[in-house]
Amino acid sequence: MPYEILEKRELGSSGAIYEMVLHTPLIAKKAHAGNFVLLRINETGERIPLTIADYNREKGTITMIIQVVGKSTKLICNQNVGDQILDVVGPLGNKIHIKKYDDPIVVIGGGIGIAPCYLQAKELRDAGNEIITILGARSRGLLIWKEKMETVSDQLIITTDDGSEGMKGVVTDPLKKIMQKRKISLVIAIGPLIMMKYVALTTNGTGDLPKVKTFVSLNTIMVDGTGMCGSCRFSTIDGDIQFACVDGPDVDAHIVDFNNLLKRAHRFLDQEKESLECYNNECRALEQLKREVV
């Protein structure tokens, strides 16, 4: 059955990030932090994975944050309240393990990865944990859900590449300072692959800092989302193969071969650019036709 868009709003000032609330009662009933859904906007659309950023079991809704980067995300973000999405499959992936830790947990969100950090921080804090949150973005206009993250954090640190909000720098700068001063039970990092790579390098114990258990979320290119197609496979540093959709998406950061994963993440870049260009041309032609009719 189609799934209705109940709410939609633009986040930040970039004009390319949207928050959407979908009516998905069965998915909302089973959703947890760490889960994702697969969306297909229409019968000819591709299936894309989106992490569940929030849920409301009573209202039967899930919340997703979508950044326009290609044809499918632009097509979804062009939908409005009252429109319907053909397929929403989930919850998929493994929910995070929730328990009470002795020492603080550091939750690190970069870009739109901030959104799934909210749900993880919320569930872990509800279990009695102290949460130190570090949010990073290129600029203030790309910083999302700051107020929501404040509600689930005991301490909130902001970093931006250009210094337009918080401290100028990257998320590993405050992380190193925290690790030098305090014992940390766990680090969770969700964001761009390059960010997660350097968080993993910071916490792997090879430098002057202690080793800290670290999880990253690998929302790689997925097709079926159930482990059959192999599209979301990633290599470990030991040469093993795992699948983000069924072994993750949250996985031990210290086993991931990030260099290999960074290369794989760009393997469909040319096709994605071509598809987006064709879609933009279709949109422009449609707008021109509307003006001619008027």
Protein backbone atom coordinates (compact mmCIF):
# COMPACT_ATOMS: atom_id res chain seq x y z
CA MET A 1 0.00 0.00 0.00
CA PRO A 2 1.20 3.59 -0.56
CA TYR A 3 2.57 5.52 2.40
CA GLU A 4 1.44 9.09 2.95
CA ILE A 5 3.74 12.01 3.69
CA LEU A 6 2.29 13.67 6.80
CA GLU A 7 4.92 16.35 7.38
CA LYS A 8 7.72 17.92 5.39
CA ARG A 9 10.06 20.75 6.25
CA GLU A 10 13.35 22.10 5.01
CA LEU A 11 16.33 21.97 7.37
CA GLY A 12 19.26 24.35 7.45
CA SER A 13 19.76 27.01 4.83
CA SER A 14 21.25 24.92 2.04
CA GLY A 15 17.93 24.20 0.32
CA ALA A 16 18.85 20.55 -0.07
CA ILE A 17 18.00 18.83 3.24
CA TYR A 18 14.46 17.86 4.20
CA GLU A 19 12.75 16.21 7.14
CA MET A 20 9.84 13.95 6.23
CA VAL A 21 7.35 12.14 8.44
CA LEU A 22 5.66 9.11 6.88
CA HIS A 23 2.58 7.22 8.04
CA THR A 24 3.94 3.67 8.43
CA PRO A 25 2.13 2.07 11.41
CA LEU A 26 3.60 -1.44 11.12
CA ILE A 27 7.16 -0.17 10.68
CA ALA A 28 6.83 2.35 13.51
CA LYS A 29 5.62 -0.45 15.80
CA LYS A 30 8.88 -2.40 15.34
CA ALA A 31 11.45 0.40 14.74
CA HIS A 32 14.52 0.91 16.90
CA ALA A 33 17.71 2.95 16.76
CA GLY A 34 19.99 1.52 14.06
CA ASN A 35 17.21 0.33 11.73
CA PHE A 36 16.70 1.59 8.20
CA VAL A 37 14.02 1.40 5.52
CA LEU A 38 14.11 0.97 1.76
CA LEU A 39 12.05 3.47 -0.24
CA ARG A 40 10.74 3.31 -3.80
CA ILE A 41 8.90 6.41 -4.91
CA ASN A 42 7.06 4.80 -7.84
CA GLU A 43 7.04 1.68 -10.01
CA THR A 44 10.04 2.81 -12.08
CA GLY A 45 12.00 4.24 -9.16
CA GLU A 46 15.14 2.77 -7.63
CA ARG A 47 15.25 1.40 -4.10
CA ILE A 48 17.24 3.59 -1.74
CA PRO A 49 18.09 3.01 1.94
CA LEU A 50 17.31 5.69 4.51
CA THR A 51 18.03 5.42 8.21
CA ILE A 52 15.09 5.79 10.58
CA ALA A 53 15.83 9.07 12.37
CA ASP A 54 12.85 8.90 14.74
CA TYR A 55 9.61 7.04 15.27
CA ASN A 56 6.30 7.50 17.05
CA ARG A 57 4.54 4.24 17.84
CA GLU A 58 1.32 5.93 18.98
CA LYS A 59 0.96 7.99 15.80
CA GLY A 60 2.31 5.20 13.59
CA THR A 61 4.99 7.37 11.99
CA ILE A 62 8.68 7.32 11.18
CA THR A 63 10.88 10.34 10.47
CA MET A 64 13.62 10.45 7.84
CA ILE A 65 16.16 13.08 6.86
CA ILE A 66 16.86 13.24 3.13
CA GLN A 67 19.59 15.21 1.40
CA VAL A 68 19.24 15.91 -2.32
CA VAL A 69 22.28 14.34 -3.99
CA GLY A 70 20.85 12.49 -7.00
CA LYS A 71 17.72 11.81 -9.02
CA SER A 72 15.92 9.60 -6.50
CA THR A 73 16.52 11.84 -3.50
CA LYS A 74 15.48 14.88 -5.54
CA LEU A 75 12.34 13.07 -6.71
CA ILE A 76 11.41 12.19 -3.13
CA CYS A 77 12.11 15.71 -1.86
CA ASN A 78 9.92 17.14 -4.63
CA GLN A 79 6.95 15.37 -3.03
CA ASN A 80 4.72 17.30 -0.66
CA VAL A 81 2.45 16.70 2.33
CA GLY A 82 -0.41 14.46 1.23
CA ASP A 83 1.59 12.79 -1.53
CA GLN A 84 2.26 9.06 -1.32
CA ILE A 85 5.36 6.92 -1.64
CA LEU A 86 4.72 3.56 -3.28
CA ASP A 87 6.99 1.28 -1.21
CA VAL A 88 8.52 1.55 2.23
CA VAL A 89 10.12 -1.69 3.46
CA GLY A 90 11.39 -2.13 6.99
CA PRO A 91 12.53 -1.94 9.62
CA LEU A 92 15.68 -3.54 8.22
CA GLY A 93 19.17 -3.97 9.65
CA ASN A 94 20.10 -4.60 13.25
CA LYS A 95 18.99 -2.39 16.09
CA ILE A 96 21.78 -1.14 18.35
CA HIS A 97 22.57 -2.94 21.59
CA ILE A 98 21.25 -0.92 24.51
CA LYS A 99 22.77 -1.24 27.98
CA LYS A 100 24.01 0.90 30.86
CA TYR A 101 27.73 1.67 30.58
CA ASP A 102 29.94 2.75 33.48
CA ASP A 103 31.53 5.67 31.63
CA PRO A 104 30.22 8.27 29.15
CA ILE A 105 29.31 7.50 25.56
CA VAL A 106 30.47 9.88 22.84
CA VAL A 107 28.03 10.20 19.94
CA ILE A 108 29.44 11.89 16.83
CA GLY A 109 27.25 13.07 13.95
CA GLY A 110 28.45 14.58 10.71
CA GLY A 111 26.18 16.22 8.13
CA ILE A 112 22.88 14.38 7.75
CA GLY A 113 24.40 11.61 9.88
CA ILE A 114 23.34 13.81 12.80
CA ALA A 115 19.74 12.62 12.35
CA PRO A 116 20.26 8.89 13.09
CA CYS A 117 22.55 9.92 15.97
CA TYR A 118 19.53 11.43 17.69
CA LEU A 119 17.69 8.14 18.02
CA GLN A 120 20.79 6.28 19.21
CA ALA A 121 21.59 8.95 21.78
CA LYS A 122 17.96 8.98 22.95
CA GLU A 123 17.67 5.24 23.50
CA LEU A 124 21.09 5.03 25.19
CA ARG A 125 20.33 7.99 27.45
CA ASP A 126 16.96 6.47 28.36
CA ALA A 127 18.99 3.48 29.59
CA GLY A 128 20.79 5.77 32.04
CA ASN A 129 23.94 6.61 30.09
CA GLU A 130 25.81 9.92 30.07
CA ILE A 131 25.88 11.19 26.48
CA ILE A 132 28.53 13.55 25.11
CA THR A 133 27.53 14.65 21.62
CA ILE A 134 29.80 16.11 18.96
CA LEU A 135 28.13 17.51 15.84
CA GLY A 136 30.07 18.46 12.73
CA ALA A 137 29.14 20.21 9.49
CA ARG A 138 30.86 22.15 6.75
CA SER A 139 29.03 25.32 7.79
CA ARG A 140 26.22 26.57 10.00
CA GLY A 141 23.71 26.26 7.15
CA LEU A 142 24.29 22.50 6.99
CA LEU A 143 23.96 21.93 10.72
CA ILE A 144 20.70 20.09 11.48
CA TRP A 145 18.76 18.97 14.55
CA LYS A 146 20.93 20.90 16.99
CA GLU A 147 17.98 21.55 19.32
CA LYS A 148 16.82 17.91 19.20
CA MET A 149 20.33 16.68 20.02
CA GLU A 150 20.49 19.03 23.00
CA THR A 151 17.47 17.26 24.51
CA VAL A 152 19.27 13.88 24.57
CA SER A 153 22.79 15.06 25.43
CA ASP A 154 24.50 15.85 28.72
CA GLN A 155 27.09 17.85 26.80
CA LEU A 156 26.88 19.16 23.22
CA ILE A 157 29.89 20.26 21.18
CA ILE A 158 29.58 21.87 17.75
CA THR A 159 32.30 21.96 15.08
CA THR A 160 32.17 23.52 11.62
CA ASP A 161 34.81 23.51 8.91
CA ASP A 162 34.52 27.27 8.42
CA GLY A 163 33.98 28.24 12.05
CA SER A 164 30.50 29.70 11.36
CA GLU A 165 29.16 27.93 14.46
CA GLY A 166 30.88 26.34 17.42
CA MET A 167 34.58 25.64 17.17
CA LYS A 168 36.39 25.72 13.84
CA GLY A 169 37.70 22.29 13.00
CA VAL A 170 36.61 18.68 12.60
CA VAL A 171 34.88 16.29 14.98
CA THR A 172 38.07 14.44 15.89
CA ASP A 173 39.52 17.61 17.48
CA PRO A 174 37.16 17.65 20.51
CA LEU A 175 37.09 13.84 20.54
CA LYS A 176 40.85 13.73 21.18
CA LYS A 177 40.54 16.27 23.99
CA ILE A 178 37.76 14.28 25.65
CA MET A 179 39.74 11.03 25.40
CA GLN A 180 42.76 12.71 26.99
CA LYS A 181 40.72 13.82 30.01
CA ARG A 182 38.11 11.12 30.56
CA LYS A 183 37.59 7.41 30.25
CA ILE A 184 35.05 6.67 27.51
CA SER A 185 32.98 3.49 27.30
CA LEU A 186 31.87 3.76 23.69
CA VAL A 187 32.07 5.99 20.62
CA ILE A 188 29.33 6.04 17.97
CA ALA A 189 30.05 7.88 14.71
CA ILE A 190 27.58 8.41 11.87
CA GLY A 191 28.31 10.61 8.88
CA PRO A 192 30.46 10.78 5.74
CA LEU A 193 32.76 7.81 5.21
CA ILE A 194 35.88 9.97 5.49
CA MET A 195 34.71 11.30 8.86
CA MET A 196 34.01 7.82 10.20
CA LYS A 197 37.41 6.65 8.95
CA TYR A 198 39.26 9.29 10.95
CA VAL A 199 37.15 8.70 14.04
CA ALA A 200 38.10 5.02 13.81
CA LEU A 201 41.78 5.94 13.44
CA THR A 202 41.49 8.17 16.52
CA THR A 203 40.00 5.44 18.72
CA ASN A 204 41.85 2.33 17.49
CA GLY A 205 44.63 2.58 20.10
CA THR A 206 47.54 2.83 17.67
CA GLY A 207 48.51 6.34 18.75
CA ASP A 208 48.90 8.05 22.11
CA LEU A 209 45.20 7.71 22.94
CA PRO A 210 43.56 4.64 24.50
CA LYS A 211 41.55 2.23 22.40
CA VAL A 212 37.81 2.76 22.68
CA LYS A 213 35.12 0.48 21.27
CA THR A 214 33.67 2.33 18.28
CA PHE A 215 30.68 1.75 16.03
CA VAL A 216 30.03 3.35 12.64
CA SER A 217 26.94 3.19 10.44
CA LEU A 218 27.58 1.93 6.90
CA ASN A 219 24.66 3.11 4.81
CA THR A 220 26.29 1.90 1.61
CA ILE A 221 24.70 1.32 -1.78
CA MET A 222 21.93 -1.23 -1.21
CA VAL A 223 19.51 -2.97 -3.55
CA ASP A 224 17.48 -5.69 -1.84
CA GLY A 225 18.43 -4.92 1.77
CA THR A 226 18.30 -8.57 2.87
CA GLY A 227 21.83 -9.80 2.09
CA MET A 228 21.06 -11.58 -1.19
CA CYS A 229 22.38 -9.16 -3.84
CA GLY A 230 25.76 -8.35 -2.30
CA SER A 231 25.72 -4.72 -3.41
CA CYS A 232 26.37 -3.39 0.10
CA ARG A 233 29.29 -5.70 0.84
CA PHE A 234 32.34 -4.26 2.51
CA SER A 235 35.78 -5.66 3.25
CA THR A 236 37.29 -5.96 6.69
CA ILE A 237 40.94 -5.32 7.46
CA ASP A 238 41.35 -9.11 7.79
CA GLY A 239 40.08 -9.65 4.25
CA ASP A 240 36.64 -10.97 5.19
CA ILE A 241 33.44 -9.81 3.51
CA GLN A 242 30.40 -8.54 5.39
CA PHE A 243 27.10 -7.01 4.29
CA ALA A 244 25.95 -3.69 5.70
CA CYS A 245 22.25 -4.55 5.38
CA VAL A 246 22.33 -7.71 7.53
CA ASP A 247 25.61 -7.47 9.47
CA GLY A 248 25.00 -3.76 10.15
CA PRO A 249 24.36 -1.07 9.36
CA ASP A 250 26.15 -0.36 12.67
CA VAL A 251 29.44 -2.26 12.72
CA ASP A 252 32.71 -2.28 14.63
CA ALA A 253 34.65 0.65 13.16
CA HIS A 254 38.00 -1.00 13.77
CA ILE A 255 37.36 -3.91 11.40
CA VAL A 256 36.25 -1.83 8.38
CA ASP A 257 38.59 -1.40 5.41
CA PHE A 258 37.65 2.24 4.83
CA ASN A 259 40.06 2.74 1.92
CA ASN A 260 38.34 0.00 -0.06
CA LEU A 261 34.88 1.22 0.96
CA LEU A 262 35.66 4.79 -0.13
CA LYS A 263 36.55 3.50 -3.59
CA ARG A 264 33.40 1.36 -3.84
CA ALA A 265 31.20 4.27 -2.81
CA HIS A 266 31.98 6.08 -6.09
CA ARG A 267 31.51 3.19 -8.49
CA PHE A 268 28.16 4.45 -9.87
CA LEU A 269 29.01 8.15 -9.81
CA ASP A 270 28.89 8.63 -13.60
CA GLN A 271 25.53 6.86 -13.93
CA GLU A 272 24.11 8.88 -11.04
CA LYS A 273 25.18 12.17 -12.64
CA GLU A 274 23.63 11.13 -15.97
CA SER A 275 20.37 10.11 -14.31
CA LEU A 276 20.12 13.39 -12.39
CA GLU A 277 20.82 15.42 -15.53
CA CYS A 278 18.06 13.61 -17.44
CA TYR A 279 15.62 14.19 -14.58
CA ASN A 280 16.50 17.89 -14.41
CA ASN A 281 15.95 18.19 -18.17
CA GLU A 282 12.54 16.53 -17.82
CA CYS A 283 11.60 18.95 -15.02
CA ARG A 284 12.67 21.97 -17.07
CA ALA A 285 10.72 20.72 -20.10
CA LEU A 286 7.61 20.22 -17.94
CA GLU A 287 7.89 23.72 -16.49
CA GLN A 288 8.27 25.17 -19.99
CA LEU A 289 5.18 23.28 -21.15
CA LYS A 290 3.17 24.62 -18.21
CA ARG A 291 4.17 28.19 -19.07
CA GLU A 292 3.21 27.70 -22.70
CA VAL A 293 -0.22 26.35 -21.73
CA VAL A 294 -0.85 29.30 -19.42
